[in-house]
Amino acid sequence: MPIKPTVSLVHCTEYRESVIAEAIARQFELSGGIERFVKRGDKVLLKPNLIAPKPRHCATQTDPAVIIETARLLKDFGAKPFVGDSPAWADIFSCARVLGLEEPLNKLGVPIKQLDKPVKRHIAGVDVGISSVALEADKIINLPKFKSHQQLVATFAVKNMFGCVSGKWKAYWHFKKGGNEKKFCKLLIEI
């Protein structure tokens, strides 16, 4: 039986923590409740879009408030969230430092992990190194950033999961598959 996807949109006027927390809680509520997606005790990868160590106002990455408030909601629920990515430039720790994520996540007891230690997976007809750190999570909550993209016009939730490809291999696959929109999209969807 086909799955009927649920799509919900919550209008959020600013990135103040309380406003973001309310919007995130509402998103889960509209989608059937957090318990529909996560169980207490689950190790949950929060997968933001962190591309480079750039400050919050550059708007190229997931806003820190979204990451922090999602982590807080999961901790309050009883899950075990961690924040992970494999940025194109530098590493997740540099990105987290510049975005001011280290201290608030540390206070919440939420670790930051580099999505590294690749495991080969056969995806879209090729072998791709997917982070074992991502594969070990019980669940993944995708926290993408909606922005323009030179190969695909815009990035959405599917493109953000490309960050589970470890290290500089993302650049290789951008080049290898990026010249053909259909092949690149197939790779992204299968990841």
C-alpha atoms as a PDB file:
ATOM      1  CA  MET A   1       0.000   0.000   0.000  1.00  0.00           C
ATOM      2  CA  PRO A   2       1.492   3.393  -0.987  1.00  0.00           C
ATOM      3  CA  ILE A   3       2.510   5.743   1.803  1.00  0.00           C
ATOM      4  CA  LYS A   4       0.624   9.013   1.853  1.00  0.00           C
ATOM      5  CA  PRO A   5       3.154  11.731   2.683  1.00  0.00           C
ATOM      6  CA  THR A   6       2.229  14.411   5.162  1.00  0.00           C
ATOM      7  CA  VAL A   7       3.372  17.931   4.429  1.00  0.00           C
ATOM      8  CA  SER A   8       2.928  20.725   6.910  1.00  0.00           C
ATOM      9  CA  LEU A   9       4.111  24.306   6.849  1.00  0.00           C
ATOM     10  CA  VAL A  10       4.334  26.560   9.872  1.00  0.00           C
ATOM     11  CA  HIS A  11       4.778  30.286   9.409  1.00  0.00           C
ATOM     12  CA  CYS A  12       7.670  31.503  11.521  1.00  0.00           C
ATOM     13  CA  THR A  13       8.378  35.226  11.544  1.00  0.00           C
ATOM     14  CA  GLU A  14      11.794  35.257  13.224  1.00  0.00           C
ATOM     15  CA  TYR A  15      14.682  33.171  14.523  1.00  0.00           C
ATOM     16  CA  ARG A  16      14.176  33.908  18.218  1.00  0.00           C
ATOM     17  CA  GLU A  17      14.532  30.647  20.185  1.00  0.00           C
ATOM     18  CA  SER A  18      11.032  30.688  21.697  1.00  0.00           C
ATOM     19  CA  VAL A  19       9.415  31.341  18.315  1.00  0.00           C
ATOM     20  CA  ILE A  20      11.486  28.598  16.659  1.00  0.00           C
ATOM     21  CA  ALA A  21      10.727  26.138  19.499  1.00  0.00           C
ATOM     22  CA  GLU A  22       7.000  26.746  19.098  1.00  0.00           C
ATOM     23  CA  ALA A  23       7.189  26.319  15.301  1.00  0.00           C
ATOM     24  CA  ILE A  24       9.143  23.050  15.562  1.00  0.00           C
ATOM     25  CA  ALA A  25       6.742  21.638  18.150  1.00  0.00           C
ATOM     26  CA  ARG A  26       3.834  22.633  15.893  1.00  0.00           C
ATOM     27  CA  GLN A  27       5.462  20.893  12.897  1.00  0.00           C
ATOM     28  CA  PHE A  28       5.643  17.630  14.834  1.00  0.00           C
ATOM     29  CA  GLU A  29       2.075  18.081  16.080  1.00  0.00           C
ATOM     30  CA  LEU A  30       0.732  18.634  12.551  1.00  0.00           C
ATOM     31  CA  SER A  31       2.633  15.555  11.341  1.00  0.00           C
ATOM     32  CA  GLY A  32       1.142  13.223  13.944  1.00  0.00           C
ATOM     33  CA  GLY A  33       3.329  13.928  16.989  1.00  0.00           C
ATOM     34  CA  ILE A  34       7.005  13.419  17.712  1.00  0.00           C
ATOM     35  CA  GLU A  35       6.329   9.836  18.845  1.00  0.00           C
ATOM     36  CA  ARG A  36       5.345   9.006  15.256  1.00  0.00           C
ATOM     37  CA  PHE A  37       8.969   9.531  14.236  1.00  0.00           C
ATOM     38  CA  VAL A  38      11.141   8.957  17.295  1.00  0.00           C
ATOM     39  CA  LYS A  39      11.082   6.614  20.280  1.00  0.00           C
ATOM     40  CA  ARG A  40      12.458   7.451  23.696  1.00  0.00           C
ATOM     41  CA  GLY A  41      16.096   6.370  23.795  1.00  0.00           C
ATOM     42  CA  ASP A  42      16.588   6.591  20.006  1.00  0.00           C
ATOM     43  CA  LYS A  43      19.949   7.933  18.816  1.00  0.00           C
ATOM     44  CA  VAL A  44      18.823  10.726  16.483  1.00  0.00           C
ATOM     45  CA  LEU A  45      21.109  12.427  14.003  1.00  0.00           C
ATOM     46  CA  LEU A  46      20.143  16.065  13.525  1.00  0.00           C
ATOM     47  CA  LYS A  47      21.454  16.712  10.018  1.00  0.00           C
ATOM     48  CA  PRO A  48      21.708  20.464   9.426  1.00  0.00           C
ATOM     49  CA  ASN A  49      23.083  22.067   6.289  1.00  0.00           C
ATOM     50  CA  LEU A  50      26.549  23.278   7.301  1.00  0.00           C
ATOM     51  CA  ILE A  51      28.655  24.101   4.284  1.00  0.00           C
ATOM     52  CA  ALA A  52      31.517  26.210   5.686  1.00  0.00           C
ATOM     53  CA  PRO A  53      32.472  28.052   8.877  1.00  0.00           C
ATOM     54  CA  LYS A  54      30.420  31.166   8.122  1.00  0.00           C
ATOM     55  CA  PRO A  55      28.500  33.286  10.626  1.00  0.00           C
ATOM     56  CA  ARG A  56      24.747  33.083  11.105  1.00  0.00           C
ATOM     57  CA  HIS A  57      23.975  36.234   9.089  1.00  0.00           C
ATOM     58  CA  CYS A  58      25.427  34.699   5.886  1.00  0.00           C
ATOM     59  CA  ALA A  59      22.225  32.623   5.554  1.00  0.00           C
ATOM     60  CA  THR A  60      23.930  29.738   3.745  1.00  0.00           C
ATOM     61  CA  GLN A  61      23.446  27.260   6.572  1.00  0.00           C
ATOM     62  CA  THR A  62      20.712  26.007   8.874  1.00  0.00           C
ATOM     63  CA  ASP A  63      20.118  28.663  11.513  1.00  0.00           C
ATOM     64  CA  PRO A  64      21.586  27.693  14.912  1.00  0.00           C
ATOM     65  CA  ALA A  65      18.238  28.301  16.663  1.00  0.00           C
ATOM     66  CA  VAL A  66      16.618  25.565  14.544  1.00  0.00           C
ATOM     67  CA  ILE A  67      19.358  23.091  15.483  1.00  0.00           C
ATOM     68  CA  ILE A  68      19.351  23.969  19.197  1.00  0.00           C
ATOM     69  CA  GLU A  69      15.571  23.975  19.616  1.00  0.00           C
ATOM     70  CA  THR A  70      15.140  20.695  17.736  1.00  0.00           C
ATOM     71  CA  ALA A  71      17.818  19.154  19.978  1.00  0.00           C
ATOM     72  CA  ARG A  72      16.075  20.534  23.086  1.00  0.00           C
ATOM     73  CA  LEU A  73      12.695  19.123  21.993  1.00  0.00           C
ATOM     74  CA  LEU A  74      14.229  15.680  21.388  1.00  0.00           C
ATOM     75  CA  LYS A  75      16.087  15.700  24.724  1.00  0.00           C
ATOM     76  CA  ASP A  76      12.882  16.694  26.535  1.00  0.00           C
ATOM     77  CA  PHE A  77      11.105  13.821  24.766  1.00  0.00           C
ATOM     78  CA  GLY A  78      13.739  11.329  25.925  1.00  0.00           C
ATOM     79  CA  ALA A  79      15.683  10.777  22.720  1.00  0.00           C
ATOM     80  CA  LYS A  80      19.470  10.995  22.372  1.00  0.00           C
ATOM     81  CA  PRO A  81      20.145  13.586  19.665  1.00  0.00           C
ATOM     82  CA  PHE A  82      23.506  14.441  18.184  1.00  0.00           C
ATOM     83  CA  VAL A  83      24.355  16.993  15.494  1.00  0.00           C
ATOM     84  CA  GLY A  84      26.342  15.775  12.504  1.00  0.00           C
ATOM     85  CA  ASP A  85      27.419  16.848   9.042  1.00  0.00           C
ATOM     86  CA  SER A  86      30.321  16.639   6.608  1.00  0.00           C
ATOM     87  CA  PRO A  87      30.779  20.255   5.475  1.00  0.00           C
ATOM     88  CA  ALA A  88      32.297  20.977   2.079  1.00  0.00           C
ATOM     89  CA  TRP A  89      34.882  23.299   3.631  1.00  0.00           C
ATOM     90  CA  ALA A  90      36.560  22.717   7.012  1.00  0.00           C
ATOM     91  CA  ASP A  91      34.771  20.393   9.453  1.00  0.00           C
ATOM     92  CA  ILE A  92      31.633  20.409  11.569  1.00  0.00           C
ATOM     93  CA  PHE A  93      33.534  21.601  14.638  1.00  0.00           C
ATOM     94  CA  SER A  94      34.720  24.768  12.861  1.00  0.00           C
ATOM     95  CA  CYS A  95      31.194  25.424  11.587  1.00  0.00           C
ATOM     96  CA  ALA A  96      29.681  24.847  15.035  1.00  0.00           C
ATOM     97  CA  ARG A  97      32.216  27.188  16.651  1.00  0.00           C
ATOM     98  CA  VAL A  98      31.505  30.049  14.206  1.00  0.00           C
ATOM     99  CA  LEU A  99      27.727  29.554  14.540  1.00  0.00           C
ATOM    100  CA  GLY A 100      27.902  29.559  18.353  1.00  0.00           C
ATOM    101  CA  LEU A 101      26.537  26.028  18.656  1.00  0.00           C
ATOM    102  CA  GLU A 102      29.181  24.517  20.945  1.00  0.00           C
ATOM    103  CA  GLU A 103      28.117  25.996  24.275  1.00  0.00           C
ATOM    104  CA  PRO A 104      24.319  25.594  23.973  1.00  0.00           C
ATOM    105  CA  LEU A 105      24.605  22.028  22.653  1.00  0.00           C
ATOM    106  CA  ASN A 106      27.127  21.167  25.355  1.00  0.00           C
ATOM    107  CA  LYS A 107      24.723  22.484  28.021  1.00  0.00           C
ATOM    108  CA  LEU A 108      22.026  20.230  26.573  1.00  0.00           C
ATOM    109  CA  GLY A 109      24.391  17.251  26.522  1.00  0.00           C
ATOM    110  CA  VAL A 110      24.115  16.996  22.725  1.00  0.00           C
ATOM    111  CA  PRO A 111      27.342  15.911  20.998  1.00  0.00           C
ATOM    112  CA  ILE A 112      28.603  17.273  17.698  1.00  0.00           C
ATOM    113  CA  LYS A 113      29.998  14.624  15.343  1.00  0.00           C
ATOM    114  CA  GLN A 114      31.787  14.734  12.028  1.00  0.00           C
ATOM    115  CA  LEU A 115      30.018  12.514   9.499  1.00  0.00           C
ATOM    116  CA  ASP A 116      33.098  10.520   8.599  1.00  0.00           C
ATOM    117  CA  LYS A 117      34.252   6.889   8.652  1.00  0.00           C
ATOM    118  CA  PRO A 118      32.703   6.021   5.273  1.00  0.00           C
ATOM    119  CA  VAL A 119      31.127   2.691   4.472  1.00  0.00           C
ATOM    120  CA  LYS A 120      30.708   1.822   0.798  1.00  0.00           C
ATOM    121  CA  ARG A 121      27.114   1.545  -0.326  1.00  0.00           C
ATOM    122  CA  HIS A 122      25.990   0.761  -3.866  1.00  0.00           C
ATOM    123  CA  ILE A 123      23.795   3.724  -4.771  1.00  0.00           C
ATOM    124  CA  ALA A 124      22.500   4.749  -8.207  1.00  0.00           C
ATOM    125  CA  GLY A 125      24.819   2.246  -9.879  1.00  0.00           C
ATOM    126  CA  VAL A 126      28.037   3.379  -8.129  1.00  0.00           C
ATOM    127  CA  ASP A 127      29.833   2.810  -4.830  1.00  0.00           C
ATOM    128  CA  VAL A 128      29.500   5.824  -2.536  1.00  0.00           C
ATOM    129  CA  GLY A 129      31.109   6.279   0.892  1.00  0.00           C
ATOM    130  CA  ILE A 130      28.275   7.008   3.334  1.00  0.00           C
ATOM    131  CA  SER A 131      29.223   8.024   6.866  1.00  0.00           C
ATOM    132  CA  SER A 132      29.039   5.138   9.320  1.00  0.00           C
ATOM    133  CA  VAL A 133      28.242   7.765  11.969  1.00  0.00           C
ATOM    134  CA  ALA A 134      25.031   8.583  10.068  1.00  0.00           C
ATOM    135  CA  LEU A 135      24.242   4.927   9.408  1.00  0.00           C
ATOM    136  CA  GLU A 136      24.523   4.104  13.134  1.00  0.00           C
ATOM    137  CA  ALA A 137      21.750   6.557  14.060  1.00  0.00           C
ATOM    138  CA  ASP A 138      18.346   5.058  14.804  1.00  0.00           C
ATOM    139  CA  LYS A 139      16.667   8.010  13.099  1.00  0.00           C
ATOM    140  CA  ILE A 140      17.720  11.072  11.111  1.00  0.00           C
ATOM    141  CA  ILE A 141      15.948  14.400  11.291  1.00  0.00           C
ATOM    142  CA  ASN A 142      16.840  16.482   8.280  1.00  0.00           C
ATOM    143  CA  LEU A 143      17.258  20.228   8.987  1.00  0.00           C
ATOM    144  CA  PRO A 144      17.927  21.631   5.504  1.00  0.00           C
ATOM    145  CA  LYS A 145      18.426  25.203   4.361  1.00  0.00           C
ATOM    146  CA  PHE A 146      16.369  26.329   1.401  1.00  0.00           C
ATOM    147  CA  LYS A 147      18.768  28.130  -0.940  1.00  0.00           C
ATOM    148  CA  SER A 148      19.860  28.413  -4.555  1.00  0.00           C
ATOM    149  CA  HIS A 149      22.166  25.823  -6.111  1.00  0.00           C
ATOM    150  CA  GLN A 150      24.181  26.147  -9.315  1.00  0.00           C
ATOM    151  CA  GLN A 151      23.514  22.599 -10.525  1.00  0.00           C
ATOM    152  CA  LEU A 152      19.933  22.070  -9.376  1.00  0.00           C
ATOM    153  CA  VAL A 153      18.539  25.625  -9.129  1.00  0.00           C
ATOM    154  CA  ALA A 154      17.451  25.158  -5.499  1.00  0.00           C
ATOM    155  CA  THR A 155      18.288  22.866  -2.603  1.00  0.00           C
ATOM    156  CA  PHE A 156      15.665  21.098  -0.577  1.00  0.00           C
ATOM    157  CA  ALA A 157      15.587  18.350   2.026  1.00  0.00           C
ATOM    158  CA  VAL A 158      16.827  15.686  -0.418  1.00  0.00           C
ATOM    159  CA  LYS A 159      19.988  17.621  -1.349  1.00  0.00           C
ATOM    160  CA  ASN A 160      20.884  18.149   2.330  1.00  0.00           C
ATOM    161  CA  MET A 161      21.254  14.401   2.865  1.00  0.00           C
ATOM    162  CA  PHE A 162      24.204  14.531   0.434  1.00  0.00           C
ATOM    163  CA  GLY A 163      26.104  15.657   3.565  1.00  0.00           C
ATOM    164  CA  CYS A 164      26.076  12.008   4.692  1.00  0.00           C
ATOM    165  CA  VAL A 165      28.673  11.356   1.982  1.00  0.00           C
ATOM    166  CA  SER A 166      31.971  11.536   3.838  1.00  0.00           C
ATOM    167  CA  GLY A 167      34.544  14.241   3.229  1.00  0.00           C
ATOM    168  CA  LYS A 168      35.743  15.450  -0.129  1.00  0.00           C
ATOM    169  CA  TRP A 169      33.967  12.666  -2.010  1.00  0.00           C
ATOM    170  CA  LYS A 170      30.964  15.008  -2.200  1.00  0.00           C
ATOM    171  CA  ALA A 171      32.969  17.264  -4.536  1.00  0.00           C
ATOM    172  CA  TYR A 172      33.857  14.256  -6.688  1.00  0.00           C
ATOM    173  CA  TRP A 173      30.215  13.160  -6.975  1.00  0.00           C
ATOM    174  CA  HIS A 174      29.104  16.734  -7.667  1.00  0.00           C
ATOM    175  CA  PHE A 175      31.511  16.729 -10.611  1.00  0.00           C
ATOM    176  CA  LYS A 176      30.949  13.125 -11.743  1.00  0.00           C
ATOM    177  CA  LYS A 177      27.117  13.159 -11.631  1.00  0.00           C
ATOM    178  CA  GLY A 178      26.435  16.904 -11.554  1.00  0.00           C
ATOM    179  CA  GLY A 179      26.672  17.360 -15.318  1.00  0.00           C
ATOM    180  CA  ASN A 180      23.565  15.247 -15.785  1.00  0.00           C
ATOM    181  CA  GLU A 181      20.613  16.496 -13.761  1.00  0.00           C
ATOM    182  CA  LYS A 182      18.742  13.170 -13.875  1.00  0.00           C
ATOM    183  CA  LYS A 183      21.768  11.120 -12.769  1.00  0.00           C
ATOM    184  CA  PHE A 184      22.635  13.597 -10.008  1.00  0.00           C
ATOM    185  CA  CYS A 185      19.042  13.661  -8.741  1.00  0.00           C
ATOM    186  CA  LYS A 186      18.871   9.842  -8.783  1.00  0.00           C
ATOM    187  CA  LEU A 187      22.057   9.718  -6.685  1.00  0.00           C
ATOM    188  CA  LEU A 188      20.656  12.281  -4.237  1.00  0.00           C
ATOM    189  CA  ILE A 189      17.301  10.522  -3.890  1.00  0.00           C
ATOM    190  CA  GLU A 190      18.917   7.121  -3.308  1.00  0.00           C
ATOM    191  CA  ILE A 191      21.229   8.549  -0.650  1.00  0.00           C
END
